[in-house]
């Protein structure tokens, strides 16, 4: 009985982590970055750095979600 609750909890946490990853990737995709030809390198660097940080956070949550799914696959029925 406890294993059922463990699987449900891990599945729920995995879903939440995947949703957080999707949210951060959406935010990263919405960071406005000027065309390279129209901007100086300095003005384009800050938005790219922000998008990079958001992508890193999203990747961490996606990896955590995948790790939880791997643990769930290893648990016996």
Protein backbone atom coordinates (compact mmCIF):
# COMPACT_ATOMS: atom_id res chain seq x y z
CA UNK A 1 0.00 0.00 0.00
CA UNK A 2 2.83 2.44 0.82
CA UNK A 3 4.44 1.74 -2.55
CA UNK A 4 1.28 2.90 -4.32
CA UNK A 5 1.48 6.22 -2.50
CA UNK A 6 5.20 6.48 -3.29
CA UNK A 7 4.53 5.94 -7.00
CA UNK A 8 1.71 8.49 -6.98
CA UNK A 9 3.87 11.04 -5.16
CA UNK A 10 6.83 10.54 -7.52
CA UNK A 11 4.56 10.77 -10.55
CA UNK A 12 3.01 13.98 -9.24
CA UNK A 13 6.41 15.52 -8.51
CA UNK A 14 7.62 14.48 -11.96
CA UNK A 15 4.61 16.12 -13.63
CA UNK A 16 5.14 19.33 -11.67
CA UNK A 17 8.86 19.37 -12.58
CA UNK A 18 8.01 18.87 -16.26
CA UNK A 19 5.47 21.71 -16.13
CA UNK A 20 8.02 24.01 -14.48
CA UNK A 21 10.52 23.12 -17.20
CA UNK A 22 7.96 23.94 -19.88
CA UNK A 23 7.21 27.27 -18.18
CA UNK A 24 10.89 28.26 -18.07
CA UNK A 25 11.45 27.23 -21.69
CA UNK A 26 8.43 29.30 -22.69
CA UNK A 27 9.83 32.29 -20.78
CA UNK A 28 13.25 31.79 -22.41
CA UNK A 29 11.64 31.75 -25.84
CA UNK A 30 9.90 35.05 -25.14
CA UNK A 31 13.07 37.02 -24.26
CA UNK A 32 13.37 39.68 -26.96
CA UNK A 33 16.76 39.56 -28.69
CA UNK A 34 17.59 42.15 -31.32
CA UNK A 35 18.98 41.19 -34.70
CA UNK A 36 22.75 41.07 -34.58
CA UNK A 37 23.08 43.51 -37.48
CA UNK A 38 20.83 46.07 -35.78
CA UNK A 39 22.41 45.94 -32.34
CA UNK A 40 25.77 46.34 -30.77
CA UNK A 41 27.21 43.19 -29.22
CA UNK A 42 26.84 44.62 -25.71
CA UNK A 43 23.12 45.29 -26.04
CA UNK A 44 22.39 41.81 -27.40
CA UNK A 45 24.49 40.05 -24.75
CA UNK A 46 22.26 40.71 -21.71
CA UNK A 47 19.04 39.26 -23.22
CA UNK A 48 20.94 36.22 -24.50
CA UNK A 49 22.42 35.71 -21.04
CA UNK A 50 18.92 35.89 -19.48
CA UNK A 51 17.55 33.37 -21.99
CA UNK A 52 20.51 31.10 -21.31
CA UNK A 53 19.86 31.13 -17.54
CA UNK A 54 16.16 30.36 -18.10
CA UNK A 55 17.11 27.49 -20.43
CA UNK A 56 19.49 26.11 -17.80
CA UNK A 57 16.75 26.15 -15.15
CA UNK A 58 14.33 24.45 -17.55
CA UNK A 59 16.89 21.78 -18.42
CA UNK A 60 17.49 21.06 -14.73
CA UNK A 61 13.77 20.56 -14.08
CA UNK A 62 13.40 18.40 -17.20
CA UNK A 63 16.33 16.26 -16.07
CA UNK A 64 14.83 15.93 -12.60
CA UNK A 65 11.51 14.86 -14.12
CA UNK A 66 13.26 12.27 -16.31
CA UNK A 67 15.20 10.97 -13.31
CA UNK A 68 11.97 10.49 -11.35
CA UNK A 69 10.43 8.65 -14.28
CA UNK A 70 13.46 6.36 -14.36
CA UNK A 71 13.05 5.61 -10.65
CA UNK A 72 9.37 4.85 -11.23
CA UNK A 73 10.27 2.38 -13.97
CA UNK A 74 12.59 0.54 -11.58
CA UNK A 75 10.04 0.19 -8.79
CA UNK A 76 8.28 -3.19 -8.75
CA UNK A 77 4.59 -3.37 -9.49
